[in-house]
Amino acid sequence: DPTFFAWSITVWLWLTVVFANVAEAVAEGRGKAQAATLRQARRDIS
């Protein structure tokens, strides 16, 4: 039953979930940036 109100509410509910995931993804992203630096120390060593 498409209405402007229904779709507007739906969009903002999905944004609520995405925003929650963004918080966790940003926190993990900082760690991944530092992990990339650490990976440089792992190289093909004989």
All heavy atoms as atom14 arrays in JSON, in Angstrom:
{
  "sequence": "DPTFFAWSITVWLWLTVVFANVAEAVAEGRGKAQAATLRQARRDIS",
  "atom14_mask": [
    [1, 1, 1, 1, 1, 1, 1, 1, 0, 0, 0, 0, 0, 0],
    [1, 1, 1, 1, 1, 1, 1, 0, 0, 0, 0, 0, 0, 0],
    [1, 1, 1, 1, 1, 1, 1, 0, 0, 0, 0, 0, 0, 0],
    [1, 1, 1, 1, 1, 1, 1, 1, 1, 1, 1, 0, 0, 0],
    [1, 1, 1, 1, 1, 1, 1, 1, 1, 1, 1, 0, 0, 0],
    [1, 1, 1, 1, 1, 0, 0, 0, 0, 0, 0, 0, 0, 0],
    [1, 1, 1, 1, 1, 1, 1, 1, 1, 1, 1, 1, 1, 1],
    [1, 1, 1, 1, 1, 1, 0, 0, 0, 0, 0, 0, 0, 0],
    [1, 1, 1, 1, 1, 1, 1, 1, 0, 0, 0, 0, 0, 0],
    [1, 1, 1, 1, 1, 1, 1, 0, 0, 0, 0, 0, 0, 0],
    [1, 1, 1, 1, 1, 1, 1, 0, 0, 0, 0, 0, 0, 0],
    [1, 1, 1, 1, 1, 1, 1, 1, 1, 1, 1, 1, 1, 1],
    [1, 1, 1, 1, 1, 1, 1, 1, 0, 0, 0, 0, 0, 0],
    [1, 1, 1, 1, 1, 1, 1, 1, 1, 1, 1, 1, 1, 1],
    [1, 1, 1, 1, 1, 1, 1, 1, 0, 0, 0, 0, 0, 0],
    [1, 1, 1, 1, 1, 1, 1, 0, 0, 0, 0, 0, 0, 0],
    [1, 1, 1, 1, 1, 1, 1, 0, 0, 0, 0, 0, 0, 0],
    [1, 1, 1, 1, 1, 1, 1, 0, 0, 0, 0, 0, 0, 0],
    [1, 1, 1, 1, 1, 1, 1, 1, 1, 1, 1, 0, 0, 0],
    [1, 1, 1, 1, 1, 0, 0, 0, 0, 0, 0, 0, 0, 0],
    [1, 1, 1, 1, 1, 1, 1, 1, 0, 0, 0, 0, 0, 0],
    [1, 1, 1, 1, 1, 1, 1, 0, 0, 0, 0, 0, 0, 0],
    [1, 1, 1, 1, 1, 0, 0, 0, 0, 0, 0, 0, 0, 0],
    [1, 1, 1, 1, 1, 1, 1, 1, 1, 0, 0, 0, 0, 0],
    [1, 1, 1, 1, 1, 0, 0, 0, 0, 0, 0, 0, 0, 0],
    [1, 1, 1, 1, 1, 1, 1, 0, 0, 0, 0, 0, 0, 0],
    [1, 1, 1, 1, 1, 0, 0, 0, 0, 0, 0, 0, 0, 0],
    [1, 1, 1, 1, 1, 1, 1, 1, 1, 0, 0, 0, 0, 0],
    [1, 1, 1, 1, 0, 0, 0, 0, 0, 0, 0, 0, 0, 0],
    [1, 1, 1, 1, 1, 1, 1, 1, 1, 1, 1, 0, 0, 0],
    [1, 1, 1, 1, 0, 0, 0, 0, 0, 0, 0, 0, 0, 0],
    [1, 1, 1, 1, 1, 1, 1, 1, 1, 0, 0, 0, 0, 0],
    [1, 1, 1, 1, 1, 0, 0, 0, 0, 0, 0, 0, 0, 0],
    [1, 1, 1, 1, 1, 1, 1, 1, 1, 0, 0, 0, 0, 0],
    [1, 1, 1, 1, 1, 0, 0, 0, 0, 0, 0, 0, 0, 0],
    [1, 1, 1, 1, 1, 0, 0, 0, 0, 0, 0, 0, 0, 0],
    [1, 1, 1, 1, 1, 1, 1, 0, 0, 0, 0, 0, 0, 0],
    [1, 1, 1, 1, 1, 1, 1, 1, 0, 0, 0, 0, 0, 0],
    [1, 1, 1, 1, 1, 1, 1, 1, 1, 1, 1, 0, 0, 0],
    [1, 1, 1, 1, 1, 1, 1, 1, 1, 0, 0, 0, 0, 0],
    [1, 1, 1, 1, 1, 0, 0, 0, 0, 0, 0, 0, 0, 0],
    [1, 1, 1, 1, 1, 1, 1, 1, 1, 1, 1, 0, 0, 0],
    [1, 1, 1, 1, 1, 1, 1, 1, 1, 1, 1, 0, 0, 0],
    [1, 1, 1, 1, 1, 1, 1, 1, 0, 0, 0, 0, 0, 0],
    [1, 1, 1, 1, 1, 1, 1, 1, 0, 0, 0, 0, 0, 0],
    [1, 1, 1, 1, 1, 1, 0, 0, 0, 0, 0, 0, 0, 0]
  ],
  "atom14_positions": [
    [[0.86, -1.19, 0.0], [0.0, 0.0, 0.0], [0.89, 1.24, 0.0], [1.13, 1.86, 1.03], [-0.9, 0.0, 1.23], [-1.91, 1.15, 1.22], [-2.03, 1.8, 0.16], [-2.53, 1.38, 2.27], [0.0, 0.0, 0.0], [0.0, 0.0, 0.0], [0.0, 0.0, 0.0], [0.0, 0.0, 0.0], [0.0, 0.0, 0.0], [0.0, 0.0, 0.0]],
    [[1.44, 1.58, -1.17], [2.43, 2.66, -1.22], [1.84, 4.03, -0.92], [0.86, 4.45, -1.55], [2.96, 2.58, -2.66], [1.88, 1.92, -3.45], [1.19, 0.98, -2.5], [0.0, 0.0, 0.0], [0.0, 0.0, 0.0], [0.0, 0.0, 0.0], [0.0, 0.0, 0.0], [0.0, 0.0, 0.0], [0.0, 0.0, 0.0], [0.0, 0.0, 0.0]],
    [[2.4, 4.68, 0.08], [2.07, 6.08, 0.38], [3.39, 6.78, 0.71], [4.39, 6.14, 1.05], [1.13, 6.2, 1.59], [1.8, 5.7, 2.76], [-0.17, 5.45, 1.36], [0.0, 0.0, 0.0], [0.0, 0.0, 0.0], [0.0, 0.0, 0.0], [0.0, 0.0, 0.0], [0.0, 0.0, 0.0], [0.0, 0.0, 0.0], [0.0, 0.0, 0.0]],
    [[3.38, 8.1, 0.63], [4.59, 8.86, 0.94], [4.99, 8.64, 2.39], [6.18, 8.48, 2.7], [4.35, 10.35, 0.68], [5.55, 11.21, 0.97], [6.57, 11.33, 0.03], [5.68, 11.87, 2.18], [7.68, 12.1, 0.3], [6.79, 12.65, 2.46], [7.8, 12.77, 1.51], [0.0, 0.0, 0.0], [0.0, 0.0, 0.0], [0.0, 0.0, 0.0]],
    [[4.02, 8.61, 3.27], [4.3, 8.42, 4.69], [4.94, 7.04, 4.92], [5.94, 6.92, 5.65], [3.01, 8.54, 5.5], [3.18, 8.25, 6.96], [3.7, 9.2, 7.82], [2.82, 7.01, 7.49], [3.87, 8.93, 9.18], [2.98, 6.73, 8.83], [3.5, 7.7, 9.69], [0.0, 0.0, 0.0], [0.0, 0.0, 0.0], [0.0, 0.0, 0.0]],
    [[4.37, 6.01, 4.3], [4.87, 4.66, 4.49], [6.31, 4.52, 4.01], [7.18, 3.96, 4.7], [3.98, 3.65, 3.78], [0.0, 0.0, 0.0], [0.0, 0.0, 0.0], [0.0, 0.0, 0.0], [0.0, 0.0, 0.0], [0.0, 0.0, 0.0], [0.0, 0.0, 0.0], [0.0, 0.0, 0.0], [0.0, 0.0, 0.0], [0.0, 0.0, 0.0]],
    [[6.6, 5.05, 2.81], [7.95, 4.93, 2.27], [8.95, 5.8, 3.05], [10.11, 5.41, 3.23], [7.97, 5.31, 0.79], [7.55, 4.17, -0.1], [6.42, 4.08, -0.85], [8.27, 2.94, -0.28], [6.37, 2.87, -1.51], [7.5, 2.16, -1.18], [9.45, 2.42, 0.21], [7.89, 0.88, -1.59], [9.85, 1.16, -0.21], [9.08, 0.4, -1.1]],
    [[8.5, 6.95, 3.52], [9.39, 7.81, 4.3], [9.8, 7.13, 5.61], [10.98, 7.13, 5.99], [8.71, 9.15, 4.61], [8.41, 9.85, 3.42], [0.0, 0.0, 0.0], [0.0, 0.0, 0.0], [0.0, 0.0, 0.0], [0.0, 0.0, 0.0], [0.0, 0.0, 0.0], [0.0, 0.0, 0.0], [0.0, 0.0, 0.0], [0.0, 0.0, 0.0]],
    [[8.81, 6.54, 6.28], [9.12, 5.82, 7.52], [10.07, 4.67, 7.24], [11.05, 4.44, 7.97], [7.84, 5.3, 8.18], [7.01, 6.46, 8.74], [8.16, 4.29, 9.27], [7.63, 7.12, 9.96], [0.0, 0.0, 0.0], [0.0, 0.0, 0.0], [0.0, 0.0, 0.0], [0.0, 0.0, 0.0], [0.0, 0.0, 0.0], [0.0, 0.0, 0.0]],
    [[9.81, 3.93, 6.16], [10.64, 2.77, 5.82], [12.09, 3.18, 5.56], [13.03, 2.54, 6.05], [10.07, 2.07, 4.57], [8.74, 1.6, 4.86], [10.94, 0.9, 4.16], [0.0, 0.0, 0.0], [0.0, 0.0, 0.0], [0.0, 0.0, 0.0], [0.0, 0.0, 0.0], [0.0, 0.0, 0.0], [0.0, 0.0, 0.0], [0.0, 0.0, 0.0]],
    [[12.28, 4.25, 4.81], [13.64, 4.72, 4.51], [14.38, 5.08, 5.8], [15.55, 4.72, 5.99], [13.58, 5.93, 3.55], [14.95, 6.6, 3.47], [13.13, 5.49, 2.17], [0.0, 0.0, 0.0], [0.0, 0.0, 0.0], [0.0, 0.0, 0.0], [0.0, 0.0, 0.0], [0.0, 0.0, 0.0], [0.0, 0.0, 0.0], [0.0, 0.0, 0.0]],
    [[13.7, 5.79, 6.71], [14.37, 6.22, 7.93], [14.63, 5.05, 8.88], [15.61, 5.06, 9.64], [13.57, 7.31, 8.64], [13.84, 8.65, 8.03], [13.06, 9.32, 7.13], [15.0, 9.45, 8.25], [13.65, 10.5, 6.77], [14.85, 10.62, 7.45], [16.14, 9.33, 9.02], [15.8, 11.63, 7.41], [17.09, 10.32, 9.0], [16.92, 11.46, 8.2]],
    [[13.81, 4.01, 8.82], [14.1, 2.82, 9.63], [15.35, 2.11, 9.11], [16.19, 1.65, 9.91], [12.9, 1.87, 9.62], [11.65, 2.34, 10.39], [10.55, 1.28, 10.3], [11.99, 2.63, 11.84], [0.0, 0.0, 0.0], [0.0, 0.0, 0.0], [0.0, 0.0, 0.0], [0.0, 0.0, 0.0], [0.0, 0.0, 0.0], [0.0, 0.0, 0.0]],
    [[15.48, 2.01, 7.77], [16.69, 1.41, 7.22], [17.92, 2.26, 7.55], [18.99, 1.72, 7.84], [16.56, 1.23, 5.7], [15.77, 0.02, 5.31], [14.54, -0.01, 4.7], [16.14, -1.34, 5.5], [14.12, -1.3, 4.5], [15.09, -2.14, 4.98], [17.24, -1.97, 6.06], [15.13, -3.54, 5.01], [17.29, -3.35, 6.08], [16.24, -4.13, 5.56]],
    [[17.77, 3.58, 7.5], [18.89, 4.46, 7.85], [19.31, 4.27, 9.3], [20.49, 4.38, 9.64], [18.51, 5.93, 7.59], [18.47, 6.37, 6.13], [17.99, 7.81, 6.02], [19.84, 6.23, 5.48], [0.0, 0.0, 0.0], [0.0, 0.0, 0.0], [0.0, 0.0, 0.0], [0.0, 0.0, 0.0], [0.0, 0.0, 0.0], [0.0, 0.0, 0.0]],
    [[18.31, 4.0, 10.17], [18.65, 3.76, 11.58], [19.59, 2.57, 11.72], [20.58, 2.62, 12.47], [17.37, 3.5, 12.39], [16.5, 4.64, 12.26], [17.68, 3.28, 13.86], [0.0, 0.0, 0.0], [0.0, 0.0, 0.0], [0.0, 0.0, 0.0], [0.0, 0.0, 0.0], [0.0, 0.0, 0.0], [0.0, 0.0, 0.0], [0.0, 0.0, 0.0]],
    [[19.29, 1.5, 10.98], [20.15, 0.31, 11.03], [21.51, 0.61, 10.42], [22.55, 0.22, 10.97], [19.49, -0.88, 10.3], [20.34, -2.13, 10.44], [18.09, -1.13, 10.83], [0.0, 0.0, 0.0], [0.0, 0.0, 0.0], [0.0, 0.0, 0.0], [0.0, 0.0, 0.0], [0.0, 0.0, 0.0], [0.0, 0.0, 0.0], [0.0, 0.0, 0.0]],
    [[21.51, 1.32, 9.3], [22.78, 1.64, 8.63], [23.65, 2.52, 9.52], [24.86, 2.31, 9.64], [22.52, 2.31, 7.27], [23.83, 2.83, 6.67], [21.86, 1.34, 6.31], [0.0, 0.0, 0.0], [0.0, 0.0, 0.0], [0.0, 0.0, 0.0], [0.0, 0.0, 0.0], [0.0, 0.0, 0.0], [0.0, 0.0, 0.0], [0.0, 0.0, 0.0]],
    [[23.03, 3.52, 10.15], [23.8, 4.4, 11.03], [24.43, 3.62, 12.19], [25.56, 3.91, 12.61], [22.92, 5.52, 11.57], [22.52, 6.54, 10.53], [21.49, 7.44, 10.77], [23.16, 6.6, 9.31], [21.12, 8.37, 9.83], [22.8, 7.53, 8.34], [21.77, 8.42, 8.61], [0.0, 0.0, 0.0], [0.0, 0.0, 0.0], [0.0, 0.0, 0.0]],
    [[23.69, 2.66, 12.72], [24.24, 1.83, 13.8], [25.43, 1.03, 13.29], [26.45, 0.9, 13.97], [23.16, 0.89, 14.34], [0.0, 0.0, 0.0], [0.0, 0.0, 0.0], [0.0, 0.0, 0.0], [0.0, 0.0, 0.0], [0.0, 0.0, 0.0], [0.0, 0.0, 0.0], [0.0, 0.0, 0.0], [0.0, 0.0, 0.0], [0.0, 0.0, 0.0]],
    [[25.31, 0.5, 12.07], [26.42, -0.26, 11.49], [27.62, 0.63, 11.18], [28.77, 0.2, 11.25], [25.96, -0.98, 10.22], [24.98, -2.11, 10.52], [24.88, -2.55, 11.67], [24.28, -2.56, 9.51], [0.0, 0.0, 0.0], [0.0, 0.0, 0.0], [0.0, 0.0, 0.0], [0.0, 0.0, 0.0], [0.0, 0.0, 0.0], [0.0, 0.0, 0.0]],
    [[27.34, 1.9, 10.8], [28.42, 2.84, 10.51], [29.28, 3.05, 11.76], [30.51, 3.1, 11.68], [27.87, 4.19, 10.01], [28.92, 5.29, 10.1], [27.4, 4.06, 8.57], [0.0, 0.0, 0.0], [0.0, 0.0, 0.0], [0.0, 0.0, 0.0], [0.0, 0.0, 0.0], [0.0, 0.0, 0.0], [0.0, 0.0, 0.0], [0.0, 0.0, 0.0]],
    [[28.64, 3.17, 12.93], [29.39, 3.37, 14.17], [30.39, 2.25, 14.4], [31.57, 2.47, 14.71], [28.43, 3.48, 15.35], [0.0, 0.0, 0.0], [0.0, 0.0, 0.0], [0.0, 0.0, 0.0], [0.0, 0.0, 0.0], [0.0, 0.0, 0.0], [0.0, 0.0, 0.0], [0.0, 0.0, 0.0], [0.0, 0.0, 0.0], [0.0, 0.0, 0.0]],
    [[29.92, 1.0, 14.22], [30.81, -0.14, 14.42], [31.85, -0.23, 13.32], [33.02, -0.54, 13.57], [29.99, -1.43, 14.47], [30.8, -2.66, 14.79], [29.94, -3.89, 15.0], [28.7, -3.77, 14.9], [30.49, -4.96, 15.26], [0.0, 0.0, 0.0], [0.0, 0.0, 0.0], [0.0, 0.0, 0.0], [0.0, 0.0, 0.0], [0.0, 0.0, 0.0]],
    [[31.44, 0.08, 12.07], [32.37, -0.01, 10.94], [33.48, 1.02, 11.05], [34.64, 0.74, 10.7], [31.61, 0.18, 9.62], [0.0, 0.0, 0.0], [0.0, 0.0, 0.0], [0.0, 0.0, 0.0], [0.0, 0.0, 0.0], [0.0, 0.0, 0.0], [0.0, 0.0, 0.0], [0.0, 0.0, 0.0], [0.0, 0.0, 0.0], [0.0, 0.0, 0.0]],
    [[33.16, 2.23, 11.54], [34.19, 3.25, 11.71], [35.2, 2.8, 12.77], [36.41, 2.95, 12.6], [33.57, 4.6, 12.09], [34.64, 5.59, 12.53], [32.79, 5.18, 10.92], [0.0, 0.0, 0.0], [0.0, 0.0, 0.0], [0.0, 0.0, 0.0], [0.0, 0.0, 0.0], [0.0, 0.0, 0.0], [0.0, 0.0, 0.0], [0.0, 0.0, 0.0]],
    [[34.69, 2.25, 13.88], [35.58, 1.78, 14.94], [36.49, 0.66, 14.41], [37.7, 0.65, 14.68], [34.77, 1.29, 16.12], [0.0, 0.0, 0.0], [0.0, 0.0, 0.0], [0.0, 0.0, 0.0], [0.0, 0.0, 0.0], [0.0, 0.0, 0.0], [0.0, 0.0, 0.0], [0.0, 0.0, 0.0], [0.0, 0.0, 0.0], [0.0, 0.0, 0.0]],
    [[35.93, -0.26, 13.65], [36.73, -1.33, 13.08], [37.68, -0.8, 12.01], [38.78, -1.31, 11.84], [35.82, -2.41, 12.5], [35.04, -3.18, 13.55], [34.09, -4.2, 12.94], [33.93, -4.15, 11.69], [33.53, -5.02, 13.67], [0.0, 0.0, 0.0], [0.0, 0.0, 0.0], [0.0, 0.0, 0.0], [0.0, 0.0, 0.0], [0.0, 0.0, 0.0]],
    [[37.23, 0.23, 11.29], [38.06, 0.8, 10.23], [39.36, 1.36, 10.75], [40.4, 1.26, 10.1], [0.0, 0.0, 0.0], [0.0, 0.0, 0.0], [0.0, 0.0, 0.0], [0.0, 0.0, 0.0], [0.0, 0.0, 0.0], [0.0, 0.0, 0.0], [0.0, 0.0, 0.0], [0.0, 0.0, 0.0], [0.0, 0.0, 0.0], [0.0, 0.0, 0.0]],
    [[39.3, 1.97, 11.93], [40.55, 2.47, 12.53], [41.53, 1.33, 12.77], [42.73, 1.44, 12.52], [40.24, 3.17, 13.85], [39.59, 4.54, 13.68], [39.36, 5.17, 15.03], [39.01, 6.58, 14.93], [38.86, 7.38, 15.98], [39.02, 6.9, 17.19], [38.55, 8.65, 15.81], [0.0, 0.0, 0.0], [0.0, 0.0, 0.0], [0.0, 0.0, 0.0]],
    [[40.99, 0.22, 13.28], [41.85, -0.94, 13.52], [42.41, -1.51, 12.23], [43.57, -1.92, 12.17], [0.0, 0.0, 0.0], [0.0, 0.0, 0.0], [0.0, 0.0, 0.0], [0.0, 0.0, 0.0], [0.0, 0.0, 0.0], [0.0, 0.0, 0.0], [0.0, 0.0, 0.0], [0.0, 0.0, 0.0], [0.0, 0.0, 0.0], [0.0, 0.0, 0.0]],
    [[41.59, -1.53, 11.18], [42.06, -2.08, 9.9], [43.17, -1.23, 9.31], [44.09, -1.75, 8.67], [40.89, -2.16, 8.93], [39.89, -3.26, 9.29], [38.72, -3.28, 8.32], [37.74, -4.4, 8.71], [36.55, -4.42, 7.82], [0.0, 0.0, 0.0], [0.0, 0.0, 0.0], [0.0, 0.0, 0.0], [0.0, 0.0, 0.0], [0.0, 0.0, 0.0]],
    [[43.09, 0.08, 9.52], [44.15, 0.96, 9.02], [45.48, 0.64, 9.72], [46.54, 0.61, 9.09], [43.77, 2.42, 9.25], [0.0, 0.0, 0.0], [0.0, 0.0, 0.0], [0.0, 0.0, 0.0], [0.0, 0.0, 0.0], [0.0, 0.0, 0.0], [0.0, 0.0, 0.0], [0.0, 0.0, 0.0], [0.0, 0.0, 0.0], [0.0, 0.0, 0.0]],
    [[45.41, 0.36, 11.02], [46.63, 0.02, 11.74], [47.09, -1.39, 11.39], [48.28, -1.67, 11.35], [46.4, 0.16, 13.25], [46.13, 1.61, 13.64], [46.11, 1.8, 15.13], [46.2, 0.86, 15.88], [45.99, 3.04, 15.54], [0.0, 0.0, 0.0], [0.0, 0.0, 0.0], [0.0, 0.0, 0.0], [0.0, 0.0, 0.0], [0.0, 0.0, 0.0]],
    [[46.13, -2.26, 11.11], [46.5, -3.62, 10.71], [47.23, -3.62, 9.37], [48.13, -4.41, 9.14], [45.25, -4.5, 10.64], [0.0, 0.0, 0.0], [0.0, 0.0, 0.0], [0.0, 0.0, 0.0], [0.0, 0.0, 0.0], [0.0, 0.0, 0.0], [0.0, 0.0, 0.0], [0.0, 0.0, 0.0], [0.0, 0.0, 0.0], [0.0, 0.0, 0.0]],
    [[46.83, -2.69, 8.48], [47.51, -2.59, 7.18], [48.97, -2.23, 7.37], [49.85, -2.73, 6.66], [46.81, -1.56, 6.31], [0.0, 0.0, 0.0], [0.0, 0.0, 0.0], [0.0, 0.0, 0.0], [0.0, 0.0, 0.0], [0.0, 0.0, 0.0], [0.0, 0.0, 0.0], [0.0, 0.0, 0.0], [0.0, 0.0, 0.0], [0.0, 0.0, 0.0]],
    [[49.24, -1.36, 8.34], [50.63, -0.99, 8.64], [51.39, -2.2, 9.18], [52.54, -2.45, 8.81], [50.67, 0.15, 9.67], [49.95, 1.27, 9.15], [52.09, 0.55, 9.97], [0.0, 0.0, 0.0], [0.0, 0.0, 0.0], [0.0, 0.0, 0.0], [0.0, 0.0, 0.0], [0.0, 0.0, 0.0], [0.0, 0.0, 0.0], [0.0, 0.0, 0.0]],
    [[50.73, -2.97, 10.05], [51.39, -4.15, 10.61], [51.67, -5.19, 9.54], [52.68, -5.9, 9.59], [50.52, -4.75, 11.71], [50.37, -3.92, 12.98], [49.34, -4.54, 13.89], [51.7, -3.82, 13.69], [0.0, 0.0, 0.0], [0.0, 0.0, 0.0], [0.0, 0.0, 0.0], [0.0, 0.0, 0.0], [0.0, 0.0, 0.0], [0.0, 0.0, 0.0]],
    [[50.77, -5.3, 8.56], [50.95, -6.3, 7.52], [52.21, -6.04, 6.69], [52.74, -6.94, 6.06], [49.72, -6.34, 6.6], [48.56, -7.11, 7.2], [47.53, -7.46, 6.13], [46.5, -8.29, 6.68], [45.36, -7.83, 7.2], [45.13, -6.53, 7.22], [44.46, -8.64, 7.7], [0.0, 0.0, 0.0], [0.0, 0.0, 0.0], [0.0, 0.0, 0.0]],
    [[52.64, -4.78, 6.67], [53.85, -4.48, 5.93], [55.05, -5.19, 6.53], [56.06, -5.41, 5.87], [54.09, -2.96, 5.91], [53.03, -2.2, 5.14], [53.25, -0.7, 5.19], [54.23, -0.23, 5.76], [52.36, 0.05, 4.58], [0.0, 0.0, 0.0], [0.0, 0.0, 0.0], [0.0, 0.0, 0.0], [0.0, 0.0, 0.0], [0.0, 0.0, 0.0]],
    [[54.94, -5.51, 7.83], [56.03, -6.24, 8.48], [56.02, -7.72, 8.13], [57.0, -8.42, 8.35], [55.94, -6.07, 10.0], [0.0, 0.0, 0.0], [0.0, 0.0, 0.0], [0.0, 0.0, 0.0], [0.0, 0.0, 0.0], [0.0, 0.0, 0.0], [0.0, 0.0, 0.0], [0.0, 0.0, 0.0], [0.0, 0.0, 0.0], [0.0, 0.0, 0.0]],
    [[54.88, -8.19, 7.59], [54.81, -9.59, 7.18], [55.15, -9.66, 5.69], [54.38, -9.25, 4.85], [53.4, -10.15, 7.41], [53.07, -10.32, 8.86], [51.93, -11.29, 9.05], [50.84, -11.06, 8.14], [49.72, -11.78, 8.1], [49.55, -12.76, 8.92], [48.76, -11.49, 7.24], [0.0, 0.0, 0.0], [0.0, 0.0, 0.0], [0.0, 0.0, 0.0]],
    [[56.28, -10.13, 5.38], [56.71, -10.19, 4.01], [57.3, -11.58, 3.76], [57.43, -12.38, 4.67], [57.75, -9.1, 3.73], [58.97, -9.22, 4.62], [59.83, -7.99, 4.53], [59.23, -6.93, 5.3], [59.39, -5.65, 5.04], [60.07, -5.28, 4.0], [58.85, -4.73, 5.82], [0.0, 0.0, 0.0], [0.0, 0.0, 0.0], [0.0, 0.0, 0.0]],
    [[57.65, -11.82, 2.52], [58.27, -13.11, 2.2], [59.7, -13.09, 2.71], [60.6, -12.51, 2.1], [58.23, -13.36, 0.69], [56.81, -13.52, 0.18], [55.98, -13.99, 0.97], [56.55, -13.17, -0.99], [0.0, 0.0, 0.0], [0.0, 0.0, 0.0], [0.0, 0.0, 0.0], [0.0, 0.0, 0.0], [0.0, 0.0, 0.0], [0.0, 0.0, 0.0]],
    [[59.91, -13.71, 3.85], [61.22, -13.71, 4.49], [61.79, -15.12, 4.44], [61.1, -16.09, 4.73], [61.11, -13.25, 5.96], [60.49, -11.86, 6.04], [62.47, -13.26, 6.63], [60.24, -11.4, 7.46], [0.0, 0.0, 0.0], [0.0, 0.0, 0.0], [0.0, 0.0, 0.0], [0.0, 0.0, 0.0], [0.0, 0.0, 0.0], [0.0, 0.0, 0.0]],
    [[63.04, -15.2, 4.04], [63.72, -16.49, 4.08], [64.52, -16.58, 5.37], [64.92, -15.56, 5.95], [64.65, -16.64, 2.87], [65.63, -15.62, 2.87], [0.0, 0.0, 0.0], [0.0, 0.0, 0.0], [0.0, 0.0, 0.0], [0.0, 0.0, 0.0], [0.0, 0.0, 0.0], [0.0, 0.0, 0.0], [0.0, 0.0, 0.0], [0.0, 0.0, 0.0]]
  ]
}
